[in-house]
């Protein structure tokens, strides 16, 4: 299924936490998007892989994604090798996105930087016509390379190259995050506390969005980094 944006996260909930407001905004502008989770997050302290999949499906419906796929790589142990890169290439060729949103280039969790690098390499490889890939019906997939890859910001604060105003969509973003209810604060939770399950974590998400939004005169924003120059049509479209 062709989409305008493909959002990729190495863990289920990465996309919701870091770039769901941007996805919601572009959906309101008539754009389509899909989500690709590289792992099931099976090493997460709380919940189970099967529960994470159910939560991811619920978040997909909240956001209105065209599809959500999980590549079932090994959480914590996925390697940047041919097999893993070609799995990502196959998804890119199947949905032909114009823009890809990917993990933070570096972060507290080493998988996030690894996910960023995997996507960066896969985007290049996906455009090489001599790499032959086929779908589940053995139909050959045409080479495709998105025009842009933007890396979202996760736990570590990284100065962004661009910020998207997500002000009208902040509450829906929080709703999509809370679809992963096993991962976040609950008064009756019986599992161990984690850095993201504390009572104030969602407030941190709001504060981060406020911090990113303030310089562009927005209530809330999401920041991204690019490996290349960012072009604009004219200076008056910038804030």
Protein backbone atom coordinates (compact mmCIF):
# COMPACT_ATOMS: atom_id res chain seq x y z
CA UNK A 1 0.00 0.00 0.00
CA UNK A 2 1.49 3.31 -1.11
CA UNK A 3 1.79 5.87 1.72
CA UNK A 4 3.23 9.37 1.91
CA UNK A 5 5.09 8.77 5.19
CA UNK A 6 6.56 5.62 6.73
CA UNK A 7 7.32 5.93 10.45
CA UNK A 8 9.80 3.32 11.67
CA UNK A 9 10.62 2.51 15.29
CA UNK A 10 12.84 -0.23 16.65
CA UNK A 11 10.37 -0.71 19.52
CA UNK A 12 6.58 -0.53 19.56
CA UNK A 13 5.74 2.85 21.17
CA UNK A 14 8.83 4.66 19.76
CA UNK A 15 6.70 6.23 17.04
CA UNK A 16 3.91 7.25 19.42
CA UNK A 17 6.30 8.81 21.92
CA UNK A 18 8.40 10.75 19.43
CA UNK A 19 6.54 11.58 16.21
CA UNK A 20 2.83 10.72 16.48
CA UNK A 21 1.85 14.39 16.60
CA UNK A 22 3.58 14.94 13.26
CA UNK A 23 1.78 11.94 11.78
CA UNK A 24 -1.57 13.22 13.03
CA UNK A 25 -0.88 16.68 11.60
CA UNK A 26 -0.04 15.33 8.17
CA UNK A 27 -3.07 13.07 8.20
CA UNK A 28 -5.18 16.20 8.76
CA UNK A 29 -3.52 17.63 5.63
CA UNK A 30 -4.61 14.62 3.57
CA UNK A 31 -1.39 12.63 3.77
CA UNK A 32 -1.26 8.91 4.47
CA UNK A 33 1.19 7.03 6.69
CA UNK A 34 2.15 3.55 7.82
CA UNK A 35 4.11 2.32 10.83
CA UNK A 36 6.86 -0.31 10.90
CA UNK A 37 8.08 -1.70 14.24
CA UNK A 38 11.37 -3.56 13.92
CA UNK A 39 11.05 -5.61 17.13
CA UNK A 40 8.30 -6.66 19.51
CA UNK A 41 10.04 -4.99 22.46
CA UNK A 42 10.27 -8.39 24.11
CA UNK A 43 13.06 -7.34 26.48
CA UNK A 44 10.94 -4.61 28.01
CA UNK A 45 10.61 -4.91 31.79
CA UNK A 46 6.83 -4.59 31.75
CA UNK A 47 4.25 -6.44 29.70
CA UNK A 48 4.72 -9.23 27.17
CA UNK A 49 5.40 -9.31 23.41
CA UNK A 50 1.83 -10.41 22.67
CA UNK A 51 0.45 -7.59 24.80
CA UNK A 52 2.72 -5.06 23.10
CA UNK A 53 1.37 -6.17 19.72
CA UNK A 54 -2.22 -5.66 20.93
CA UNK A 55 -1.31 -2.25 22.32
CA UNK A 56 0.41 -1.33 19.05
CA UNK A 57 -2.73 -2.26 17.11
CA UNK A 58 -4.82 -0.08 19.41
CA UNK A 59 -2.42 2.85 18.91
CA UNK A 60 -2.57 2.32 15.13
CA UNK A 61 -6.35 2.73 15.22
CA UNK A 62 -6.11 5.87 17.37
CA UNK A 63 -3.66 7.46 14.95
CA UNK A 64 -5.43 6.30 11.80
CA UNK A 65 -2.40 4.62 10.22
CA UNK A 66 -2.94 2.87 6.89
CA UNK A 67 -1.07 -0.17 8.20
CA UNK A 68 1.26 -1.34 10.95
CA UNK A 69 3.77 -4.13 10.46
CA UNK A 70 6.21 -5.76 12.89
CA UNK A 71 9.41 -7.27 11.46
CA UNK A 72 10.08 -9.32 14.63
CA UNK A 73 13.80 -8.66 14.84
CA UNK A 74 15.44 -9.59 18.13
CA UNK A 75 15.01 -6.83 20.69
CA UNK A 76 18.43 -5.80 21.97
CA UNK A 77 20.29 -8.16 19.63
CA UNK A 78 19.29 -7.16 16.11
CA UNK A 79 22.40 -6.73 13.99
CA UNK A 80 22.99 -4.48 11.01
CA UNK A 81 23.45 -7.21 8.43
CA UNK A 82 22.10 -8.18 5.02
CA UNK A 83 19.04 -10.08 6.25
CA UNK A 84 17.86 -7.31 8.56
CA UNK A 85 18.50 -4.55 6.05
CA UNK A 86 16.62 -6.36 3.31
CA UNK A 87 13.61 -6.80 5.59
CA UNK A 88 13.41 -3.03 5.92
CA UNK A 89 14.05 -2.56 2.19
CA UNK A 90 11.11 -4.83 1.42
CA UNK A 91 8.74 -2.69 3.49
CA UNK A 92 10.06 0.50 1.86
CA UNK A 93 9.56 -0.91 -1.63
CA UNK A 94 6.10 -2.20 -0.79
CA UNK A 95 4.73 1.12 0.48
CA UNK A 96 6.86 3.56 -1.59
CA UNK A 97 6.97 6.41 0.99
CA UNK A 98 8.10 9.90 0.08
CA UNK A 99 9.31 10.55 3.65
CA UNK A 100 10.61 8.23 6.36
CA UNK A 101 10.66 9.09 10.06
CA UNK A 102 13.22 7.03 12.00
CA UNK A 103 14.74 6.55 15.45
CA UNK A 104 17.00 9.06 17.17
CA UNK A 105 20.57 9.04 15.90
CA UNK A 106 21.82 8.48 19.49
CA UNK A 107 19.99 7.89 22.73
CA UNK A 108 20.01 6.31 26.19
CA UNK A 109 18.80 3.02 24.72
CA UNK A 110 21.48 1.73 22.30
CA UNK A 111 18.81 0.13 20.11
CA UNK A 112 17.56 3.58 19.10
CA UNK A 113 20.81 4.62 17.46
CA UNK A 114 21.10 1.16 15.93
CA UNK A 115 17.59 1.49 14.49
CA UNK A 116 18.49 4.88 13.01
CA UNK A 117 21.55 3.46 11.28
CA UNK A 118 19.67 0.41 10.00
CA UNK A 119 17.06 2.62 8.39
CA UNK A 120 19.68 4.97 6.94
CA UNK A 121 21.43 2.06 5.21
CA UNK A 122 18.21 0.37 4.13
CA UNK A 123 16.91 3.56 2.50
CA UNK A 124 19.99 3.69 0.28
CA UNK A 125 19.92 -0.01 -0.55
CA UNK A 126 16.21 0.08 -1.36
CA UNK A 127 16.96 2.34 -4.33
CA UNK A 128 19.48 0.00 -5.94
CA UNK A 129 17.88 -1.74 -8.92
CA UNK A 130 20.30 -4.68 -8.84
CA UNK A 131 18.94 -5.76 -5.45
CA UNK A 132 15.98 -7.98 -6.29
CA UNK A 133 13.20 -8.31 -3.73
CA UNK A 134 9.80 -9.96 -3.92
CA UNK A 135 6.56 -9.74 -1.98
CA UNK A 136 4.74 -12.68 -0.39
CA UNK A 137 3.19 -13.52 -3.79
CA UNK A 138 6.62 -13.54 -5.44
CA UNK A 139 5.90 -10.34 -7.33
CA UNK A 140 9.07 -8.33 -7.82
CA UNK A 141 9.20 -5.06 -5.91
CA UNK A 142 10.40 -1.99 -7.78
CA UNK A 143 13.40 -0.09 -6.37
CA UNK A 144 12.43 2.96 -4.34
CA UNK A 145 14.33 5.56 -2.36
CA UNK A 146 12.37 8.13 -0.30
CA UNK A 147 13.20 11.78 -0.88
CA UNK A 148 13.90 12.44 2.81
CA UNK A 149 14.67 10.70 6.10
CA UNK A 150 14.09 12.62 9.33
CA UNK A 151 15.24 11.30 12.71
CA UNK A 152 12.98 12.06 15.66
CA UNK A 153 14.15 12.92 19.17
CA UNK A 154 13.68 10.40 21.99
CA UNK A 155 15.05 10.36 25.54
CA UNK A 156 18.19 12.46 25.10
CA UNK A 157 17.70 16.08 24.18
CA UNK A 158 19.25 16.69 20.76
CA UNK A 159 19.06 20.09 19.09
CA UNK A 160 16.67 19.64 16.14
CA UNK A 161 17.16 20.80 12.57
CA UNK A 162 13.43 21.39 12.19
CA UNK A 163 10.38 21.49 14.46
CA UNK A 164 6.81 20.62 13.47
CA UNK A 165 3.95 22.48 15.19
CA UNK A 166 1.72 19.75 16.65
CA UNK A 167 -0.32 21.99 18.97
CA UNK A 168 -3.83 20.84 17.91
CA UNK A 169 -2.82 17.19 18.12
CA UNK A 170 -1.08 16.97 21.49
CA UNK A 171 -3.97 15.31 23.32
CA UNK A 172 -4.43 12.72 20.58
CA UNK A 173 -0.69 12.04 20.75
CA UNK A 174 -0.98 11.36 24.49
CA UNK A 175 -3.96 9.08 23.83
CA UNK A 176 -1.91 7.04 21.36
CA UNK A 177 0.96 6.78 23.86
CA UNK A 178 -1.38 5.58 26.59
CA UNK A 179 -2.59 2.78 24.33
CA UNK A 180 0.63 1.12 25.58
CA UNK A 181 -0.84 1.09 29.06
CA UNK A 182 1.35 -1.76 30.30
CA UNK A 183 4.41 0.48 29.82
CA UNK A 184 3.26 3.59 31.67
CA UNK A 185 2.11 4.68 35.09
CA UNK A 186 -0.87 3.01 36.67
CA UNK A 187 -1.81 3.07 40.36
CA UNK A 188 -2.60 -0.65 40.36
CA UNK A 189 0.50 -1.76 38.40
CA UNK A 190 2.28 -4.73 39.96
CA UNK A 191 5.34 -4.85 37.70
CA UNK A 192 8.69 -3.14 38.42
CA UNK A 193 9.01 0.58 37.81
CA UNK A 194 10.99 1.71 34.77
CA UNK A 195 12.23 5.11 33.56
CA UNK A 196 9.06 5.53 31.48
CA UNK A 197 6.54 4.15 34.00
CA UNK A 198 7.04 6.86 36.60
CA UNK A 199 4.12 9.10 37.47
CA UNK A 200 5.74 12.17 35.92
CA UNK A 201 6.86 10.66 32.61
CA UNK A 202 3.88 11.85 30.57
CA UNK A 203 4.48 15.32 31.97
CA UNK A 204 8.04 15.03 30.65
CA UNK A 205 6.59 14.28 27.19
CA UNK A 206 4.42 17.39 27.42
CA UNK A 207 7.32 19.51 28.67
CA UNK A 208 9.60 18.31 25.87
CA UNK A 209 6.93 19.23 23.32
CA UNK A 210 6.49 22.66 24.94
CA UNK A 211 10.24 23.25 24.89
CA UNK A 212 10.46 22.36 21.20
CA UNK A 213 7.39 24.40 20.33
CA UNK A 214 8.31 27.63 22.10
CA UNK A 215 11.00 28.89 19.65
CA UNK A 216 8.56 28.57 16.73
CA UNK A 217 5.71 30.25 18.67
CA UNK A 218 3.77 26.98 18.99
CA UNK A 219 2.25 25.46 22.11
CA UNK A 220 3.75 22.07 21.29
CA UNK A 221 6.28 20.79 18.78
CA UNK A 222 8.16 17.68 17.68
CA UNK A 223 11.78 17.96 16.56
CA UNK A 224 13.67 16.13 13.81
CA UNK A 225 17.18 15.89 12.42
CA UNK A 226 18.22 15.46 8.80
CA UNK A 227 21.40 14.06 7.25
CA UNK A 228 21.12 16.54 4.37
CA UNK A 229 20.25 20.17 3.77
CA UNK A 230 16.57 21.02 4.17
CA UNK A 231 15.24 23.05 1.24
CA UNK A 232 12.35 25.51 1.38
CA UNK A 233 10.36 27.24 -1.35
CA UNK A 234 10.66 30.66 0.23
CA UNK A 235 11.67 32.38 3.46
CA UNK A 236 8.11 33.28 4.39
CA UNK A 237 7.10 29.65 4.89
CA UNK A 238 9.55 29.48 7.81
CA UNK A 239 8.78 30.51 11.39
